[in-house]
Amino acid sequence: MAKRIEVLVGELLSAHGLQLAVAESCTGGLISHMITNVSGSSTYFLGGVTAYANEAKIKLLGVKPETLEKFGAVSLQTVLEMAEGVRDALSADIGISTSGIAGPTGGTPDKPVGTVWIGIRSARSGGALVFHFEGDRLSIKEQAAQAALEMLLNHFQKGYI
């Protein structure tokens, strides 16, 4: 039986002596929930910030108001600032972040329901990807949380971390 992704991520973080922090918007704490379902995760998981409102992104994660005004909450620029902000706030080695539109309302022609940006920052690298998930609200949140952990795993496998 294959190991769950949160177990694999935990093993990699432990093996490299690295600590993780997460900044979640559209996933509402689901990534933190998945990670903390693994016994011993306190050795590599420092915590998470669920910053749903823009005010929370600004106050808790240091996202610049200009970034939100110019690009919006669901953008490459915002998730990179969120990932860096949570990394700094919790003194973590790696920060990952999510921001998106889980629906069923809130979508626009440019950013339809299911659009999710996921960001990652470490001392060595950073980046963000956009995803277009389908399904109901819970399904989109679950797909986004899974994709965030897969993105982190991929960064380890490619040697970016």
Protein backbone atom coordinates (compact mmCIF):
# COMPACT_ATOMS: atom_id res chain seq x y z
CA MET A 1 0.00 0.00 0.00
CA ALA A 2 1.37 3.40 -0.99
CA LYS A 3 2.13 5.93 1.70
CA ARG A 4 -0.10 9.00 1.95
CA ILE A 5 1.53 12.15 0.63
CA GLU A 6 1.54 13.83 4.04
CA VAL A 7 3.58 10.91 5.38
CA LEU A 8 6.08 11.15 2.50
CA VAL A 9 6.42 14.90 2.96
CA GLY A 10 6.97 14.42 6.69
CA GLU A 11 9.64 11.82 6.10
CA LEU A 12 11.49 14.13 3.71
CA LEU A 13 11.27 17.12 6.03
CA SER A 14 12.55 14.98 8.92
CA ALA A 15 15.35 13.44 6.87
CA HIS A 16 16.58 16.89 5.84
CA GLY A 17 16.05 18.49 9.26
CA LEU A 18 13.71 21.10 7.80
CA GLN A 19 10.65 22.78 9.24
CA LEU A 20 7.49 23.75 7.38
CA ALA A 21 4.87 26.47 7.83
CA VAL A 22 1.73 26.93 5.76
CA ALA A 23 -0.38 29.95 4.82
CA GLU A 24 -3.84 28.92 3.71
CA SER A 25 -6.71 30.88 2.28
CA CYS A 26 -9.05 28.78 0.13
CA THR A 27 -7.98 25.51 1.77
CA GLY A 28 -9.05 26.85 5.16
CA GLY A 29 -6.55 24.88 7.24
CA LEU A 30 -6.91 21.60 5.37
CA ILE A 31 -3.18 21.32 4.61
CA SER A 32 -2.39 21.81 8.29
CA HIS A 33 -5.02 19.21 9.15
CA MET A 34 -3.49 16.67 6.75
CA ILE A 35 0.04 17.25 8.02
CA THR A 36 -0.94 17.02 11.69
CA ASN A 37 -2.74 13.73 11.08
CA VAL A 38 0.75 12.21 11.00
CA SER A 39 2.14 11.21 14.39
CA GLY A 40 5.36 13.08 15.14
CA SER A 41 4.60 15.97 12.79
CA SER A 42 5.48 18.45 15.53
CA THR A 43 9.15 17.79 14.77
CA TYR A 44 8.86 19.33 11.29
CA PHE A 45 5.58 21.28 11.21
CA LEU A 46 5.72 24.65 12.97
CA GLY A 47 2.16 25.73 12.24
CA GLY A 48 -0.16 27.39 9.84
CA VAL A 49 -2.00 30.64 9.34
CA THR A 50 -5.46 30.57 7.82
CA ALA A 51 -5.66 34.04 6.33
CA TYR A 52 -8.97 34.07 4.51
CA ALA A 53 -9.66 37.80 4.43
CA ASN A 54 -7.31 40.21 2.71
CA GLU A 55 -6.88 42.06 6.03
CA ALA A 56 -5.49 38.87 7.57
CA LYS A 57 -3.14 38.35 4.63
CA ILE A 58 -1.80 41.86 5.21
CA LYS A 59 -1.62 41.82 9.03
CA LEU A 60 -0.50 38.25 9.64
CA LEU A 61 1.54 37.42 6.54
CA GLY A 62 2.88 40.77 5.39
CA VAL A 63 1.18 40.71 1.99
CA LYS A 64 1.43 44.21 0.57
CA PRO A 65 -1.88 46.04 0.08
CA GLU A 66 -0.60 47.13 -3.34
CA THR A 67 -0.15 43.50 -4.35
CA LEU A 68 -3.76 42.72 -3.48
CA GLU A 69 -5.01 45.85 -5.23
CA LYS A 70 -3.01 45.28 -8.40
CA PHE A 71 -3.15 41.49 -8.77
CA GLY A 72 -5.89 40.32 -6.42
CA ALA A 73 -5.84 37.69 -3.68
CA VAL A 74 -5.86 34.85 -6.21
CA SER A 75 -2.54 35.52 -7.94
CA LEU A 76 1.05 34.41 -8.28
CA GLN A 77 2.29 37.54 -6.52
CA THR A 78 -0.02 37.08 -3.52
CA VAL A 79 0.79 33.41 -2.89
CA LEU A 80 4.52 34.11 -3.10
CA GLU A 81 4.18 36.89 -0.52
CA MET A 82 2.01 34.60 1.65
CA ALA A 83 4.57 31.78 1.50
CA GLU A 84 7.42 34.13 2.34
CA GLY A 85 5.37 35.80 5.05
CA VAL A 86 4.50 32.58 6.88
CA ARG A 87 8.06 31.36 6.50
CA ASP A 88 9.31 34.55 8.15
CA ALA A 89 6.56 34.71 10.78
CA LEU A 90 7.25 31.20 12.05
CA SER A 91 10.99 31.07 11.27
CA ALA A 92 10.44 28.06 9.04
CA ASP A 93 12.74 26.68 6.38
CA ILE A 94 9.87 26.28 3.91
CA GLY A 95 6.58 28.10 3.48
CA ILE A 96 3.73 26.96 1.27
CA SER A 97 0.57 28.89 0.52
CA THR A 98 -2.80 28.62 -1.21
CA SER A 99 -5.28 31.16 -2.49
CA GLY A 100 -8.16 30.43 -4.80
CA ILE A 101 -11.84 30.35 -5.58
CA ALA A 102 -13.53 27.25 -4.18
CA GLY A 103 -17.02 28.32 -5.25
CA PRO A 104 -19.75 27.90 -5.96
CA THR A 105 -19.75 31.72 -6.10
CA GLY A 106 -16.93 34.20 -6.51
CA GLY A 107 -15.65 33.19 -9.92
CA THR A 108 -15.06 35.63 -12.77
CA PRO A 109 -14.30 35.08 -16.46
CA ASP A 110 -10.59 35.67 -15.72
CA LYS A 111 -10.58 33.61 -12.53
CA PRO A 112 -13.35 31.01 -12.66
CA VAL A 113 -14.39 28.80 -9.75
CA GLY A 114 -11.68 26.18 -9.27
CA THR A 115 -8.77 28.56 -9.93
CA VAL A 116 -6.16 28.06 -7.21
CA TRP A 117 -2.65 29.46 -6.93
CA ILE A 118 -0.15 27.54 -4.79
CA GLY A 119 3.15 29.09 -3.74
CA ILE A 120 6.31 27.77 -2.15
CA ARG A 121 9.35 29.51 -0.69
CA SER A 122 12.55 28.20 0.79
CA ALA A 123 15.98 29.70 1.29
CA ARG A 124 17.06 28.24 -2.06
CA SER A 125 14.02 28.68 -4.27
CA GLY A 126 10.48 29.80 -4.72
CA GLY A 127 7.73 29.55 -7.22
CA ALA A 128 4.03 29.30 -7.80
CA LEU A 129 1.66 27.37 -10.02
CA VAL A 130 -1.93 27.93 -10.99
CA PHE A 131 -4.41 25.06 -11.04
CA HIS A 132 -7.94 24.78 -12.41
CA PHE A 133 -9.83 22.23 -10.36
CA GLU A 134 -13.35 20.99 -10.94
CA GLY A 135 -16.03 19.84 -8.53
CA ASP A 136 -17.88 21.21 -5.56
CA ARG A 137 -16.38 23.44 -2.90
CA LEU A 138 -15.06 20.62 -0.70
CA SER A 139 -13.62 18.77 -3.67
CA ILE A 140 -11.75 21.86 -4.85
CA LYS A 141 -10.35 22.42 -1.35
CA GLU A 142 -9.22 18.78 -1.14
CA GLN A 143 -7.64 18.87 -4.59
CA ALA A 144 -5.80 22.10 -3.72
CA ALA A 145 -4.44 20.72 -0.43
CA GLN A 146 -3.28 17.55 -2.19
CA ALA A 147 -1.65 19.59 -4.98
CA ALA A 148 0.18 21.78 -2.46
CA LEU A 149 1.75 18.74 -0.81
CA GLU A 150 2.57 17.25 -4.22
CA MET A 151 4.24 20.52 -5.19
CA LEU A 152 6.35 20.39 -2.02
CA LEU A 153 7.26 16.76 -2.71
CA ASN A 154 8.19 17.70 -6.29
CA HIS A 155 10.48 20.47 -5.05
CA PHE A 156 12.31 17.94 -2.89
CA GLN A 157 12.61 15.45 -5.76
CA LYS A 158 14.03 18.09 -8.10
CA GLY A 159 16.54 19.27 -5.51
CA TYR A 160 15.08 22.78 -5.14
CA ILE A 161 15.00 22.42 -1.37
